[in-house]
């Protein structure tokens, strides 16, 4: 059974930083590309970044140069370092495989960027 638990969100001022974590149980982590996604109220859930098992990364244009995705396979943990945060980064952030598997969604972690 796969379980994904996100943490690290919070309230931060514009220009600030946060580091999100995603703890994964089950067998998916070490053998699959993982991704961070985000969803605002009334909006679709969008892909933010991906990382392969060989640590090749991709980023949405809106976060490129500001966010960094990484993984620790020994700890089954996915990270998202978010710098230079903007109000438009305010969303609930989720981790999942890439491509996403609907049954894997966790509760997400809320990120709010506001002064």
PDB file of N, CA and C in Angstrom:
ATOM      1  N   UNK A   1       0.843  -1.176   0.000  1.00  0.00           N
ATOM      2  CA  UNK A   1       0.000   0.000   0.000  1.00  0.00           C
ATOM      3  C   UNK A   1       0.885   1.233   0.000  1.00  0.00           C
ATOM      4  N   UNK A   2       0.579   2.163  -0.880  1.00  0.00           N
ATOM      5  CA  UNK A   2       1.379   3.373  -1.009  1.00  0.00           C
ATOM      6  C   UNK A   2       0.769   4.483  -0.167  1.00  0.00           C
ATOM      7  N   UNK A   3       1.617   5.173   0.569  1.00  0.00           N
ATOM      8  CA  UNK A   3       1.179   6.330   1.339  1.00  0.00           C
ATOM      9  C   UNK A   3       2.189   7.457   1.141  1.00  0.00           C
ATOM     10  N   UNK A   4       1.692   8.632   0.813  1.00  0.00           N
ATOM     11  CA  UNK A   4       2.518   9.814   0.617  1.00  0.00           C
ATOM     12  C   UNK A   4       2.081  10.876   1.619  1.00  0.00           C
ATOM     13  N   UNK A   5       3.034  11.395   2.398  1.00  0.00           N
ATOM     14  CA  UNK A   5       2.720  12.376   3.427  1.00  0.00           C
ATOM     15  C   UNK A   5       3.577  13.611   3.214  1.00  0.00           C
ATOM     16  N   UNK A   6       2.922  14.711   2.858  1.00  0.00           N
ATOM     17  CA  UNK A   6       3.612  15.969   2.619  1.00  0.00           C
ATOM     18  C   UNK A   6       3.678  16.806   3.901  1.00  0.00           C
ATOM     19  N   UNK A   7       4.737  17.589   4.027  1.00  0.00           N
ATOM     20  CA  UNK A   7       4.890  18.483   5.169  1.00  0.00           C
ATOM     21  C   UNK A   7       5.797  19.652   4.792  1.00  0.00           C
ATOM     22  N   UNK A   8       5.843  20.648   5.662  1.00  0.00           N
ATOM     23  CA  UNK A   8       6.755  21.767   5.465  1.00  0.00           C
ATOM     24  C   UNK A   8       6.130  23.045   4.970  1.00  0.00           C
ATOM     25  N   UNK A   9       4.843  23.014   4.682  1.00  0.00           N
ATOM     26  CA  UNK A   9       4.179  24.231   4.232  1.00  0.00           C
ATOM     27  C   UNK A   9       4.006  25.234   5.362  1.00  0.00           C
ATOM     28  N   UNK A  10       3.503  26.400   5.000  1.00  0.00           N
ATOM     29  CA  UNK A  10       3.281  27.429   6.003  1.00  0.00           C
ATOM     30  C   UNK A  10       3.045  28.774   5.372  1.00  0.00           C
ATOM     31  N   UNK A  11       3.064  29.801   6.206  1.00  0.00           N
ATOM     32  CA  UNK A  11       2.885  31.182   5.764  1.00  0.00           C
ATOM     33  C   UNK A  11       4.260  31.841   5.663  1.00  0.00           C
ATOM     34  N   UNK A  12       4.532  32.456   4.536  1.00  0.00           N
ATOM     35  CA  UNK A  12       5.827  33.094   4.313  1.00  0.00           C
ATOM     36  C   UNK A  12       5.604  34.393   3.550  1.00  0.00           C
ATOM     37  N   UNK A  13       6.465  35.358   3.781  1.00  0.00           N
ATOM     38  CA  UNK A  13       6.372  36.627   3.071  1.00  0.00           C
ATOM     39  C   UNK A  13       6.926  36.496   1.653  1.00  0.00           C
ATOM     40  N   UNK A  14       6.463  37.342   0.757  1.00  0.00           N
ATOM     41  CA  UNK A  14       7.051  37.341  -0.598  1.00  0.00           C
ATOM     42  C   UNK A  14       8.563  37.493  -0.533  1.00  0.00           C
ATOM     43  N   UNK A  15       9.250  36.701  -1.359  1.00  0.00           N
ATOM     44  CA  UNK A  15      10.703  36.680  -1.339  1.00  0.00           C
ATOM     45  C   UNK A  15      11.299  35.660  -0.394  1.00  0.00           C
ATOM     46  N   UNK A  16      10.462  35.057   0.431  1.00  0.00           N
ATOM     47  CA  UNK A  16      10.937  34.084   1.397  1.00  0.00           C
ATOM     48  C   UNK A  16      11.124  32.699   0.812  1.00  0.00           C
ATOM     49  N   UNK A  17      11.470  31.753   1.688  1.00  0.00           N
ATOM     50  CA  UNK A  17      11.756  30.382   1.275  1.00  0.00           C
ATOM     51  C   UNK A  17      11.042  29.379   2.159  1.00  0.00           C
ATOM     52  N   UNK A  18      10.758  28.231   1.587  1.00  0.00           N
ATOM     53  CA  UNK A  18      10.224  27.084   2.314  1.00  0.00           C
ATOM     54  C   UNK A  18      10.817  25.822   1.707  1.00  0.00           C
ATOM     55  N   UNK A  19      10.902  24.780   2.524  1.00  0.00           N
ATOM     56  CA  UNK A  19      11.327  23.477   2.025  1.00  0.00           C
ATOM     57  C   UNK A  19      10.245  22.459   2.347  1.00  0.00           C
ATOM     58  N   UNK A  20       9.665  21.892   1.319  1.00  0.00           N
ATOM     59  CA  UNK A  20       8.641  20.875   1.482  1.00  0.00           C
ATOM     60  C   UNK A  20       9.278  19.493   1.472  1.00  0.00           C
ATOM     61  N   UNK A  21       8.652  18.578   2.217  1.00  0.00           N
ATOM     62  CA  UNK A  21       9.094  17.192   2.249  1.00  0.00           C
ATOM     63  C   UNK A  21       7.914  16.281   1.935  1.00  0.00           C
ATOM     64  N   UNK A  22       8.219  15.129   1.364  1.00  0.00           N
ATOM     65  CA  UNK A  22       7.208  14.114   1.076  1.00  0.00           C
ATOM     66  C   UNK A  22       7.783  12.767   1.466  1.00  0.00           C
ATOM     67  N   UNK A  23       7.224  12.179   2.506  1.00  0.00           N
ATOM     68  CA  UNK A  23       7.655  10.865   2.959  1.00  0.00           C
ATOM     69  C   UNK A  23       6.809   9.811   2.274  1.00  0.00           C
ATOM     70  N   UNK A  24       7.470   8.864   1.648  1.00  0.00           N
ATOM     71  CA  UNK A  24       6.771   7.836   0.870  1.00  0.00           C
ATOM     72  C   UNK A  24       6.944   6.470   1.509  1.00  0.00           C
ATOM     73  N   UNK A  25       5.860   5.766   1.676  1.00  0.00           N
ATOM     74  CA  UNK A  25       5.903   4.373   2.089  1.00  0.00           C
ATOM     75  C   UNK A  25       5.469   3.514   0.911  1.00  0.00           C
ATOM     76  N   UNK A  26       5.750   2.243   1.015  1.00  0.00           N
ATOM     77  CA  UNK A  26       5.425   1.383  -0.109  1.00  0.00           C
ATOM     78  C   UNK A  26       6.600   1.250  -1.055  1.00  0.00           C
ATOM     79  N   UNK A  27       6.401   0.678  -2.185  1.00  0.00           N
ATOM     80  CA  UNK A  27       7.495   0.303  -3.063  1.00  0.00           C
ATOM     81  C   UNK A  27       7.736   1.245  -4.222  1.00  0.00           C
ATOM     82  N   UNK A  28       7.030   2.389  -4.252  1.00  0.00           N
ATOM     83  CA  UNK A  28       7.097   3.193  -5.469  1.00  0.00           C
ATOM     84  C   UNK A  28       8.328   4.061  -5.565  1.00  0.00           C
ATOM     85  N   UNK A  29       8.869   4.439  -4.414  1.00  0.00           N
ATOM     86  CA  UNK A  29       9.776   5.585  -4.443  1.00  0.00           C
ATOM     87  C   UNK A  29      11.041   5.318  -5.228  1.00  0.00           C
ATOM     88  N   UNK A  30      11.724   4.249  -4.912  1.00  0.00           N
ATOM     89  CA  UNK A  30      13.063   4.045  -5.475  1.00  0.00           C
ATOM     90  C   UNK A  30      13.046   3.659  -6.943  1.00  0.00           C
ATOM     91  N   UNK A  31      11.887   3.311  -7.498  1.00  0.00           N
ATOM     92  CA  UNK A  31      11.858   2.806  -8.869  1.00  0.00           C
ATOM     93  C   UNK A  31      11.099   3.706  -9.821  1.00  0.00           C
ATOM     94  N   UNK A  32      10.664   4.857  -9.359  1.00  0.00           N
ATOM     95  CA  UNK A  32       9.815   5.690 -10.192  1.00  0.00           C
ATOM     96  C   UNK A  32      10.229   7.154 -10.190  1.00  0.00           C
ATOM     97  N   UNK A  33       9.889   7.815 -11.311  1.00  0.00           N
ATOM     98  CA  UNK A  33       9.968   9.264 -11.340  1.00  0.00           C
ATOM     99  C   UNK A  33       8.913   9.831 -10.403  1.00  0.00           C
ATOM    100  N   UNK A  34       9.305  10.816  -9.629  1.00  0.00           N
ATOM    101  CA  UNK A  34       8.398  11.464  -8.684  1.00  0.00           C
ATOM    102  C   UNK A  34       8.198  12.923  -9.079  1.00  0.00           C
ATOM    103  N   UNK A  35       7.107  13.474  -8.594  1.00  0.00           N
ATOM    104  CA  UNK A  35       6.812  14.854  -8.939  1.00  0.00           C
ATOM    105  C   UNK A  35       6.136  15.602  -7.816  1.00  0.00           C
ATOM    106  N   UNK A  36       6.252  16.909  -7.868  1.00  0.00           N
ATOM    107  CA  UNK A  36       5.477  17.811  -7.015  1.00  0.00           C
ATOM    108  C   UNK A  36       4.407  18.471  -7.893  1.00  0.00           C
ATOM    109  N   UNK A  37       3.229  18.592  -7.305  1.00  0.00           N
ATOM    110  CA  UNK A  37       2.093  19.195  -7.982  1.00  0.00           C
ATOM    111  C   UNK A  37       1.518  20.257  -7.048  1.00  0.00           C
ATOM    112  N   UNK A  38       0.718  21.162  -7.606  1.00  0.00           N
ATOM    113  CA  UNK A  38       0.051  22.145  -6.757  1.00  0.00           C
ATOM    114  C   UNK A  38      -1.318  22.471  -7.315  1.00  0.00           C
ATOM    115  N   UNK A  39      -2.185  22.872  -6.378  1.00  0.00           N
ATOM    116  CA  UNK A  39      -3.570  23.151  -6.755  1.00  0.00           C
ATOM    117  C   UNK A  39      -4.094  24.303  -5.929  1.00  0.00           C
ATOM    118  N   UNK A  40      -4.639  25.293  -6.603  1.00  0.00           N
ATOM    119  CA  UNK A  40      -5.306  26.389  -5.934  1.00  0.00           C
ATOM    120  C   UNK A  40      -6.803  26.143  -5.907  1.00  0.00           C
ATOM    121  N   UNK A  41      -7.499  26.906  -5.109  1.00  0.00           N
ATOM    122  CA  UNK A  41      -8.952  26.756  -4.971  1.00  0.00           C
ATOM    123  C   UNK A  41      -9.625  26.962  -6.323  1.00  0.00           C
ATOM    124  N   UNK A  42     -10.398  25.980  -6.746  1.00  0.00           N
ATOM    125  CA  UNK A  42     -11.119  26.080  -7.995  1.00  0.00           C
ATOM    126  C   UNK A  42     -10.284  25.869  -9.230  1.00  0.00           C
ATOM    127  N   UNK A  43      -9.050  25.460  -9.040  1.00  0.00           N
ATOM    128  CA  UNK A  43      -8.153  25.274 -10.184  1.00  0.00           C
ATOM    129  C   UNK A  43      -7.772  23.811 -10.330  1.00  0.00           C
ATOM    130  N   UNK A  44      -7.223  23.446 -11.473  1.00  0.00           N
ATOM    131  CA  UNK A  44      -6.755  22.087 -11.658  1.00  0.00           C
ATOM    132  C   UNK A  44      -5.414  21.892 -10.948  1.00  0.00           C
ATOM    133  N   UNK A  45      -5.076  20.636 -10.726  1.00  0.00           N
ATOM    134  CA  UNK A  45      -3.821  20.299 -10.066  1.00  0.00           C
ATOM    135  C   UNK A  45      -2.726  20.241 -11.133  1.00  0.00           C
ATOM    136  N   UNK A  46      -1.761  21.118 -11.006  1.00  0.00           N
ATOM    137  CA  UNK A  46      -0.721  21.262 -12.022  1.00  0.00           C
ATOM    138  C   UNK A  46       0.607  20.684 -11.563  1.00  0.00           C
ATOM    139  N   UNK A  47       1.377  20.220 -12.534  1.00  0.00           N
ATOM    140  CA  UNK A  47       2.710  19.709 -12.265  1.00  0.00           C
ATOM    141  C   UNK A  47       3.675  20.870 -12.048  1.00  0.00           C
ATOM    142  N   UNK A  48       4.482  20.761 -11.006  1.00  0.00           N
ATOM    143  CA  UNK A  48       5.460  21.794 -10.683  1.00  0.00           C
ATOM    144  C   UNK A  48       6.859  21.364 -11.083  1.00  0.00           C
ATOM    145  N   UNK A  49       7.226  20.128 -10.725  1.00  0.00           N
ATOM    146  CA  UNK A  49       8.579  19.647 -10.988  1.00  0.00           C
ATOM    147  C   UNK A  49       8.590  18.126 -10.943  1.00  0.00           C
ATOM    148  N   UNK A  50       9.552  17.526 -11.648  1.00  0.00           N
ATOM    149  CA  UNK A  50       9.743  16.084 -11.614  1.00  0.00           C
ATOM    150  C   UNK A  50      11.207  15.756 -11.404  1.00  0.00           C
ATOM    151  N   UNK A  51      11.454  14.541 -10.905  1.00  0.00           N
ATOM    152  CA  UNK A  51      12.826  14.050 -10.755  1.00  0.00           C
ATOM    153  C   UNK A  51      12.825  12.555 -11.010  1.00  0.00           C
ATOM    154  N   UNK A  52      13.737  12.119 -11.869  1.00  0.00           N
ATOM    155  CA  UNK A  52      13.839  10.696 -12.178  1.00  0.00           C
ATOM    156  C   UNK A  52      14.683   9.988 -11.118  1.00  0.00           C
ATOM    157  N   UNK A  53      14.759   8.675 -11.235  1.00  0.00           N
ATOM    158  CA  UNK A  53      15.595   7.907 -10.314  1.00  0.00           C
ATOM    159  C   UNK A  53      17.072   8.260 -10.487  1.00  0.00           C
ATOM    160  N   UNK A  54      17.428   8.761 -11.662  1.00  0.00           N
ATOM    161  CA  UNK A  54      18.807   9.196 -11.905  1.00  0.00           C
ATOM    162  C   UNK A  54      18.988  10.678 -11.640  1.00  0.00           C
ATOM    163  N   UNK A  55      17.943  11.294 -11.036  1.00  0.00           N
ATOM    164  CA  UNK A  55      17.970  12.680 -10.575  1.00  0.00           C
ATOM    165  C   UNK A  55      18.023  13.696 -11.703  1.00  0.00           C
ATOM    166  N   UNK A  56      17.489  13.322 -12.858  1.00  0.00           N
ATOM    167  CA  UNK A  56      17.224  14.322 -13.884  1.00  0.00           C
ATOM    168  C   UNK A  56      15.954  15.057 -13.505  1.00  0.00           C
ATOM    169  N   UNK A  57      15.948  16.358 -13.694  1.00  0.00           N
ATOM    170  CA  UNK A  57      14.829  17.173 -13.212  1.00  0.00           C
ATOM    171  C   UNK A  57      14.199  17.981 -14.343  1.00  0.00           C
ATOM    172  N   UNK A  58      12.925  18.285 -14.156  1.00  0.00           N
ATOM    173  CA  UNK A  58      12.212  19.214 -15.026  1.00  0.00           C
ATOM    174  C   UNK A  58      11.390  20.144 -14.144  1.00  0.00           C
ATOM    175  N   UNK A  59      11.101  21.340 -14.663  1.00  0.00           N
ATOM    176  CA  UNK A  59      10.359  22.336 -13.896  1.00  0.00           C
ATOM    177  C   UNK A  59       9.347  23.041 -14.784  1.00  0.00           C
ATOM    178  N   UNK A  60       8.233  23.413 -14.185  1.00  0.00           N
ATOM    179  CA  UNK A  60       7.303  24.295 -14.861  1.00  0.00           C
ATOM    180  C   UNK A  60       7.980  25.646 -15.067  1.00  0.00           C
ATOM    181  N   UNK A  61       7.635  26.315 -16.156  1.00  0.00           N
ATOM    182  CA  UNK A  61       8.269  27.602 -16.450  1.00  0.00           C
ATOM    183  C   UNK A  61       8.084  28.609 -15.315  1.00  0.00           C
ATOM    184  N   UNK A  62       6.950  28.527 -14.634  1.00  0.00           N
ATOM    185  CA  UNK A  62       6.640  29.506 -13.595  1.00  0.00           C
ATOM    186  C   UNK A  62       7.536  29.394 -12.372  1.00  0.00           C
ATOM    187  N   UNK A  63       8.213  28.262 -12.188  1.00  0.00           N
ATOM    188  CA  UNK A  63       9.047  28.075 -11.002  1.00  0.00           C
ATOM    189  C   UNK A  63      10.521  27.883 -11.339  1.00  0.00           C
ATOM    190  N   UNK A  64      10.827  27.808 -12.612  1.00  0.00           N
ATOM    191  CA  UNK A  64      12.199  27.546 -13.034  1.00  0.00           C
ATOM    192  C   UNK A  64      13.137  28.628 -12.485  1.00  0.00           C
ATOM    193  N   UNK A  65      14.246  28.178 -11.907  1.00  0.00           N
ATOM    194  CA  UNK A  65      15.204  29.097 -11.328  1.00  0.00           C
ATOM    195  C   UNK A  65      14.920  29.479  -9.889  1.00  0.00           C
ATOM    196  N   UNK A  66      13.742  29.132  -9.390  1.00  0.00           N
ATOM    197  CA  UNK A  66      13.373  29.461  -8.007  1.00  0.00           C
ATOM    198  C   UNK A  66      13.176  28.213  -7.152  1.00  0.00           C
ATOM    199  N   UNK A  67      12.689  27.145  -7.740  1.00  0.00           N
ATOM    200  CA  UNK A  67      12.418  25.904  -7.013  1.00  0.00           C
ATOM    201  C   UNK A  67      13.440  24.846  -7.404  1.00  0.00           C
ATOM    202  N   UNK A  68      13.751  23.969  -6.446  1.00  0.00           N
ATOM    203  CA  UNK A  68      14.656  22.848  -6.695  1.00  0.00           C
ATOM    204  C   UNK A  68      14.056  21.581  -6.108  1.00  0.00           C
ATOM    205  N   UNK A  69      13.887  20.575  -6.947  1.00  0.00           N
ATOM    206  CA  UNK A  69      13.376  19.282  -6.503  1.00  0.00           C
ATOM    207  C   UNK A  69      14.560  18.358  -6.262  1.00  0.00           C
ATOM    208  N   UNK A  70      14.465  17.539  -5.211  1.00  0.00           N
ATOM    209  CA  UNK A  70      15.523  16.579  -4.918  1.00  0.00           C
ATOM    210  C   UNK A  70      14.895  15.374  -4.233  1.00  0.00           C
ATOM    211  N   UNK A  71      15.669  14.317  -4.118  1.00  0.00           N
ATOM    212  CA  UNK A  71      15.168  13.088  -3.502  1.00  0.00           C
ATOM    213  C   UNK A  71      16.283  12.413  -2.734  1.00  0.00           C
ATOM    214  N   UNK A  72      15.884  11.715  -1.672  1.00  0.00           N
ATOM    215  CA  UNK A  72      16.791  10.883  -0.891  1.00  0.00           C
ATOM    216  C   UNK A  72      16.217   9.481  -0.928  1.00  0.00           C
ATOM    217  N   UNK A  73      16.754   8.641  -1.787  1.00  0.00           N
ATOM    218  CA  UNK A  73      16.200   7.299  -1.958  1.00  0.00           C
ATOM    219  C   UNK A  73      16.373   6.444  -0.707  1.00  0.00           C
ATOM    220  N   UNK A  74      17.423   6.682   0.048  1.00  0.00           N
ATOM    221  CA  UNK A  74      17.646   5.911   1.274  1.00  0.00           C
ATOM    222  C   UNK A  74      16.569   6.201   2.308  1.00  0.00           C
ATOM    223  N   UNK A  75      16.033   7.430   2.265  1.00  0.00           N
ATOM    224  CA  UNK A  75      15.007   7.823   3.238  1.00  0.00           C
ATOM    225  C   UNK A  75      13.608   7.801   2.629  1.00  0.00           C
ATOM    226  N   UNK A  76      13.508   7.413   1.354  1.00  0.00           N
ATOM    227  CA  UNK A  76      12.195   7.439   0.675  1.00  0.00           C
ATOM    228  C   UNK A  76      11.526   8.803   0.823  1.00  0.00           C
ATOM    229  N   UNK A  77      12.289   9.850   0.626  1.00  0.00           N
ATOM    230  CA  UNK A  77      11.776  11.198   0.838  1.00  0.00           C
ATOM    231  C   UNK A  77      12.078  12.079  -0.365  1.00  0.00           C
ATOM    232  N   UNK A  78      11.072  12.845  -0.735  1.00  0.00           N
ATOM    233  CA  UNK A  78      11.142  13.811  -1.825  1.00  0.00           C
ATOM    234  C   UNK A  78      11.113  15.202  -1.225  1.00  0.00           C
ATOM    235  N   UNK A  79      11.873  16.129  -1.823  1.00  0.00           N
ATOM    236  CA  UNK A  79      11.939  17.487  -1.314  1.00  0.00           C
ATOM    237  C   UNK A  79      11.630  18.503  -2.411  1.00  0.00           C
ATOM    238  N   UNK A  80      11.173  19.666  -1.968  1.00  0.00           N
ATOM    239  CA  UNK A  80      11.034  20.795  -2.874  1.00  0.00           C
ATOM    240  C   UNK A  80      11.509  22.044  -2.141  1.00  0.00           C
ATOM    241  N   UNK A  81      12.656  22.552  -2.544  1.00  0.00           N
ATOM    242  CA  UNK A  81      13.164  23.796  -1.990  1.00  0.00           C
ATOM    243  C   UNK A  81      12.600  24.940  -2.806  1.00  0.00           C
ATOM    244  N   UNK A  82      11.889  25.841  -2.150  1.00  0.00           N
ATOM    245  CA  UNK A  82      11.218  26.945  -2.826  1.00  0.00           C
ATOM    246  C   UNK A  82      11.816  28.257  -2.346  1.00  0.00           C
ATOM    247  N   UNK A  83      12.440  28.984  -3.240  1.00  0.00           N
ATOM    248  CA  UNK A  83      13.045  30.279  -2.930  1.00  0.00           C
ATOM    249  C   UNK A  83      12.337  31.380  -3.712  1.00  0.00           C
ATOM    250  N   UNK A  84      12.575  32.609  -3.290  1.00  0.00           N
ATOM    251  CA  UNK A  84      11.994  33.773  -3.975  1.00  0.00           C
ATOM    252  C   UNK A  84      10.498  33.593  -4.206  1.00  0.00           C
ATOM    253  N   UNK A  85       9.815  33.186  -3.165  1.00  0.00           N
ATOM    254  CA  UNK A  85       8.392  32.876  -3.288  1.00  0.00           C
ATOM    255  C   UNK A  85       7.567  34.113  -3.620  1.00  0.00           C
ATOM    256  N   UNK A  86       6.533  33.894  -4.410  1.00  0.00           N
ATOM    257  CA  UNK A  86       5.642  34.949  -4.861  1.00  0.00           C
ATOM    258  C   UNK A  86       4.219  34.642  -4.387  1.00  0.00           C
ATOM    259  N   UNK A  87       3.371  35.660  -4.276  1.00  0.00           N
ATOM    260  CA  UNK A  87       1.978  35.397  -3.876  1.00  0.00           C
ATOM    261  C   UNK A  87       1.288  34.364  -4.780  1.00  0.00           C
ATOM    262  N   UNK A  88       1.629  34.342  -6.052  1.00  0.00           N
ATOM    263  CA  UNK A  88       1.001  33.385  -6.963  1.00  0.00           C
ATOM    264  C   UNK A  88       1.464  31.947  -6.741  1.00  0.00           C
ATOM    265  N   UNK A  89       2.436  31.733  -5.862  1.00  0.00           N
ATOM    266  CA  UNK A  89       2.828  30.374  -5.483  1.00  0.00           C
ATOM    267  C   UNK A  89       1.921  29.811  -4.394  1.00  0.00           C
ATOM    268  N   UNK A  90       1.016  30.613  -3.888  1.00  0.00           N
ATOM    269  CA  UNK A  90       0.076  30.164  -2.861  1.00  0.00           C
ATOM    270  C   UNK A  90      -0.818  29.065  -3.414  1.00  0.00           C
ATOM    271  N   UNK A  91      -0.734  27.881  -2.817  1.00  0.00           N
ATOM    272  CA  UNK A  91      -1.465  26.700  -3.283  1.00  0.00           C
ATOM    273  C   UNK A  91      -1.316  25.599  -2.237  1.00  0.00           C
ATOM    274  N   UNK A  92      -2.021  24.502  -2.442  1.00  0.00           N
ATOM    275  CA  UNK A  92      -1.744  23.276  -1.719  1.00  0.00           C
ATOM    276  C   UNK A  92      -0.790  22.455  -2.597  1.00  0.00           C
ATOM    277  N   UNK A  93       0.280  21.977  -1.995  1.00  0.00           N
ATOM    278  CA  UNK A  93       1.301  21.235  -2.724  1.00  0.00           C
ATOM    279  C   UNK A  93       1.212  19.749  -2.383  1.00  0.00           C
ATOM    280  N   UNK A  94       1.312  18.929  -3.419  1.00  0.00           N
ATOM    281  CA  UNK A  94       1.201  17.487  -3.293  1.00  0.00           C
ATOM    282  C   UNK A  94       2.387  16.814  -3.994  1.00  0.00           C
ATOM    283  N   UNK A  95       2.727  15.626  -3.519  1.00  0.00           N
ATOM    284  CA  UNK A  95       3.683  14.799  -4.252  1.00  0.00           C
ATOM    285  C   UNK A  95       2.950  13.576  -4.794  1.00  0.00           C
ATOM    286  N   UNK A  96       3.516  12.989  -5.822  1.00  0.00           N
ATOM    287  CA  UNK A  96       2.941  11.794  -6.442  1.00  0.00           C
ATOM    288  C   UNK A  96       3.967  11.261  -7.422  1.00  0.00           C
ATOM    289  N   UNK A  97       3.713  10.104  -7.930  1.00  0.00           N
ATOM    290  CA  UNK A  97       4.488   9.621  -9.054  1.00  0.00           C
ATOM    291  C   UNK A  97       4.266  10.554 -10.225  1.00  0.00           C
ATOM    292  N   UNK A  98       5.191  10.445 -11.203  1.00  0.00           N
ATOM    293  CA  UNK A  98       4.946  11.042 -12.495  1.00  0.00           C
ATOM    294  C   UNK A  98       5.102   9.934 -13.535  1.00  0.00           C
ATOM    295  N   UNK A  99       4.051   9.750 -14.365  1.00  0.00           N
ATOM    296  CA  UNK A  99       2.734  10.359 -14.326  1.00  0.00           C
ATOM    297  C   UNK A  99       1.983  10.040 -13.025  1.00  0.00           C
ATOM    298  N   UNK A 100       1.079  10.909 -12.682  1.00  0.00           N
ATOM    299  CA  UNK A 100       0.344  10.766 -11.428  1.00  0.00           C
ATOM    300  C   UNK A 100      -0.493   9.492 -11.407  1.00  0.00           C
ATOM    301  N   UNK A 101      -0.672   8.991 -10.180  1.00  0.00           N
ATOM    302  CA  UNK A 101      -1.573   7.875  -9.919  1.00  0.00           C
ATOM    303  C   UNK A 101      -2.622   8.389  -8.947  1.00  0.00           C
ATOM    304  N   UNK A 102      -3.860   8.418  -9.374  1.00  0.00           N
ATOM    305  CA  UNK A 102      -4.916   9.091  -8.604  1.00  0.00           C
ATOM    306  C   UNK A 102      -5.073   8.532  -7.201  1.00  0.00           C
ATOM    307  N   UNK A 103      -4.846   7.248  -7.038  1.00  0.00           N
ATOM    308  CA  UNK A 103      -5.061   6.646  -5.717  1.00  0.00           C
ATOM    309  C   UNK A 103      -3.922   6.950  -4.748  1.00  0.00           C
ATOM    310  N   UNK A 104      -2.867   7.606  -5.204  1.00  0.00           N
ATOM    311  CA  UNK A 104      -1.718   7.887  -4.344  1.00  0.00           C
ATOM    312  C   UNK A 104      -1.779   9.243  -3.660  1.00  0.00           C
ATOM    313  N   UNK A 105      -2.715  10.097  -4.013  1.00  0.00           N
ATOM    314  CA  UNK A 105      -2.707  11.454  -3.454  1.00  0.00           C
ATOM    315  C   UNK A 105      -2.779  11.437  -1.937  1.00  0.00           C
ATOM    316  N   UNK A 106      -1.939  12.256  -1.301  1.00  0.00           N
ATOM    317  CA  UNK A 106      -2.007  12.487   0.134  1.00  0.00           C
ATOM    318  C   UNK A 106      -2.847  13.710   0.440  1.00  0.00           C
ATOM    319  N   UNK A 107      -2.650  14.255   1.640  1.00  0.00           N
ATOM    320  CA  UNK A 107      -3.474  15.384   2.061  1.00  0.00           C
ATOM    321  C   UNK A 107      -2.903  16.719   1.584  1.00  0.00           C
ATOM    322  N   UNK A 108      -1.655  16.713   1.131  1.00  0.00           N
ATOM    323  CA  UNK A 108      -1.015  17.930   0.678  1.00  0.00           C
ATOM    324  C   UNK A 108      -0.562  18.807   1.832  1.00  0.00           C
ATOM    325  N   UNK A 109       0.169  19.865   1.484  1.00  0.00           N
ATOM    326  CA  UNK A 109       0.615  20.835   2.479  1.00  0.00           C
ATOM    327  C   UNK A 109       0.375  22.233   1.923  1.00  0.00           C
ATOM    328  N   UNK A 110      -0.227  23.090   2.742  1.00  0.00           N
ATOM    329  CA  UNK A 110      -0.620  24.418   2.302  1.00  0.00           C
ATOM    330  C   UNK A 110       0.568  25.373   2.346  1.00  0.00           C
ATOM    331  N   UNK A 111       0.779  26.070   1.247  1.00  0.00           N
ATOM    332  CA  UNK A 111       1.784  27.129   1.176  1.00  0.00           C
ATOM    333  C   UNK A 111       1.057  28.436   0.908  1.00  0.00           C
ATOM    334  N   UNK A 112       1.274  29.408   1.777  1.00  0.00           N
ATOM    335  CA  UNK A 112       0.653  30.718   1.622  1.00  0.00           C
ATOM    336  C   UNK A 112       1.747  31.782   1.608  1.00  0.00           C
ATOM    337  N   UNK A 113       1.779  32.553   0.531  1.00  0.00           N
ATOM    338  CA  UNK A 113       2.779  33.613   0.390  1.00  0.00           C
ATOM    339  C   UNK A 113       2.038  34.946   0.450  1.00  0.00           C
ATOM    340  N   UNK A 114       2.270  35.655   1.539  1.00  0.00           N
ATOM    341  CA  UNK A 114       1.530  36.893   1.759  1.00  0.00           C
ATOM    342  C   UNK A 114       2.292  37.777   2.725  1.00  0.00           C
ATOM    343  N   UNK A 115       2.152  39.075   2.527  1.00  0.00           N
ATOM    344  CA  UNK A 115       2.753  40.026   3.457  1.00  0.00           C
ATOM    345  C   UNK A 115       1.746  40.444   4.524  1.00  0.00           C
TER     346      UNK A 115
END
